[in-house]
Protein backbone atom coordinates (compact mmCIF):
# COMPACT_ATOMS: atom_id res chain seq x y z
CA UNK A 1 -28.99 85.78 52.60
CA UNK A 2 -30.99 84.92 49.76
CA UNK A 3 -28.05 82.94 48.20
CA UNK A 4 -27.55 81.13 51.81
CA UNK A 5 -31.72 80.61 51.17
CA UNK A 6 -31.55 78.48 47.73
CA UNK A 7 -28.45 76.46 48.60
CA UNK A 8 -29.88 75.87 51.80
CA UNK A 9 -33.22 74.68 50.67
CA UNK A 10 -32.10 72.92 47.88
CA UNK A 11 -29.40 71.24 50.07
CA UNK A 12 -31.85 70.13 52.54
CA UNK A 13 -34.25 68.65 49.25
CA UNK A 14 -31.89 66.48 48.25
CA UNK A 15 -30.80 64.82 51.34
CA UNK A 16 -34.55 64.23 51.93
CA UNK A 17 -35.59 62.76 49.13
CA UNK A 18 -32.29 60.61 49.43
CA UNK A 19 -33.66 59.67 53.11
CA UNK A 20 -36.54 58.99 51.70
CA UNK A 21 -35.49 56.80 48.49
CA UNK A 22 -33.61 54.85 51.29
CA UNK A 23 -29.88 55.38 49.77
CA UNK A 24 -26.61 55.23 51.69
CA UNK A 25 -27.15 59.24 51.82
CA UNK A 26 -24.15 59.51 53.92
CA UNK A 27 -21.82 57.89 51.08
CA UNK A 28 -24.02 60.31 48.81
CA UNK A 29 -23.40 63.19 50.76
CA UNK A 30 -20.13 62.34 50.55
CA UNK A 31 -19.86 61.84 46.56
CA UNK A 32 -21.98 65.14 45.93
CA UNK A 33 -20.12 67.30 48.18
CA UNK A 34 -16.72 66.78 45.51
CA UNK A 35 -18.81 67.10 42.63
CA UNK A 36 -20.18 70.28 40.51
CA UNK A 37 -23.31 70.35 43.50
CA UNK A 38 -20.66 70.57 46.40
CA UNK A 39 -20.90 73.72 48.43
CA UNK A 40 -20.08 75.21 51.88
CA UNK A 41 -23.54 74.68 53.12
CA UNK A 42 -24.03 70.83 51.95
CA UNK A 43 -20.10 69.83 53.20
CA UNK A 44 -20.75 71.47 56.53
CA UNK A 45 -24.16 71.65 57.12
CA UNK A 46 -25.70 68.65 55.52
CA UNK A 47 -24.36 66.09 58.58
CA UNK A 48 -26.71 68.40 60.50
CA UNK A 49 -29.34 67.76 57.93
CA UNK A 50 -28.99 64.52 57.90
CA UNK A 51 -29.08 64.04 61.83
CA UNK A 52 -32.25 66.38 61.85
CA UNK A 53 -29.82 68.48 64.64
CA UNK A 54 -29.12 71.78 64.10
CA UNK A 55 -26.61 73.11 66.25
CA UNK A 56 -26.44 76.78 66.33
CA UNK A 57 -23.66 78.32 63.45
CA UNK A 58 -26.37 81.41 62.43
CA UNK A 59 -29.75 82.16 63.98
CA UNK A 60 -32.53 81.03 61.86
CA UNK A 61 -34.45 84.24 63.04
CA UNK A 62 -31.57 85.98 62.33
CA UNK A 63 -31.50 84.73 58.66
CA UNK A 64 -35.32 85.07 58.32
CA UNK A 65 -34.84 89.30 59.43
CA UNK A 66 -31.71 89.55 56.56
CA UNK A 67 -33.96 87.31 53.99
CA UNK A 68 -36.89 90.29 54.99
CA UNK A 69 -34.76 92.87 54.18
CA UNK A 70 -33.71 91.24 51.37
CA UNK A 71 -37.14 90.76 49.94
CA UNK A 72 -38.09 94.17 50.63
CA UNK A 73 -35.23 95.71 48.38
CA UNK A 74 -36.09 92.93 45.74
CA UNK A 75 -39.68 94.76 45.70
CA UNK A 76 -38.74 98.21 45.87
CA UNK A 77 -36.15 97.47 42.84
CA UNK A 78 -39.71 95.52 40.98
CA UNK A 79 -37.32 92.19 41.28
CA UNK A 80 -38.31 88.85 41.72
CA UNK A 81 -37.28 86.46 44.07
CA UNK A 82 -39.68 83.44 44.32
CA UNK A 83 -37.59 81.21 45.81
CA UNK A 84 -36.42 83.41 48.31
CA UNK A 85 -39.75 84.27 49.50
CA UNK A 86 -40.99 80.91 49.52
CA UNK A 87 -38.11 80.13 52.23
CA UNK A 88 -39.19 83.06 54.07
CA UNK A 89 -41.98 81.57 54.60
CA UNK A 90 -40.90 77.82 55.35
CA UNK A 91 -38.51 80.42 57.99
CA UNK A 92 -40.93 82.31 59.32
CA UNK A 93 -42.99 79.11 60.45
CA UNK A 94 -39.97 77.25 61.70
CA UNK A 95 -38.92 80.83 63.99
CA UNK A 96 -43.43 81.10 65.20
CA UNK A 97 -42.93 77.38 66.18
CA UNK A 98 -39.69 78.03 67.92
CA UNK A 99 -36.55 77.13 66.01
CA UNK A 100 -35.50 80.62 65.48
CA UNK A 101 -32.36 79.74 68.14
CA UNK A 102 -31.51 76.68 65.96
CA UNK A 103 -28.99 76.90 62.61
CA UNK A 104 -30.30 78.43 59.57
CA UNK A 105 -29.76 74.68 58.46
CA UNK A 106 -33.32 73.70 59.69
CA UNK A 107 -34.67 74.58 56.89
CA UNK A 108 -34.78 71.09 56.36
CA UNK A 109 -36.56 70.52 59.95
CA UNK A 110 -40.07 71.37 57.12
CA UNK A 111 -38.73 69.89 53.84
CA UNK A 112 -38.20 66.52 56.08
CA UNK A 113 -41.89 67.31 57.54
CA UNK A 114 -43.43 67.95 54.22
CA UNK A 115 -41.61 64.36 53.58
CA UNK A 116 -43.49 62.57 56.41
CA UNK A 117 -39.99 62.06 57.92
CA UNK A 118 -40.39 63.96 61.05
CA UNK A 119 -39.13 62.27 63.46
């Protein structure tokens, strides 16, 4: 879950930057997905992020719960996970706003809002 948190947040940021820059993000998505930055999350959830539509794959609220367990374990072991902790904060906000049953890729919703791209 820690890896998913970082991956989806990075995909959301990269795609949001492309949208804000006005590039052909669908073409960029295809190009990037086939290169070193390619991942299952980019290939399968990137299109949802581009559409700002998050049909259920894995519930955000369940990911937030699991990520919380991972963060508690890390704290017990003295292992800092700053990226995962930040994503957990963003996910908590989304759950509190009623998006807990959206797919975990809905993290992109916050990234888009922070960029002034909420639609």
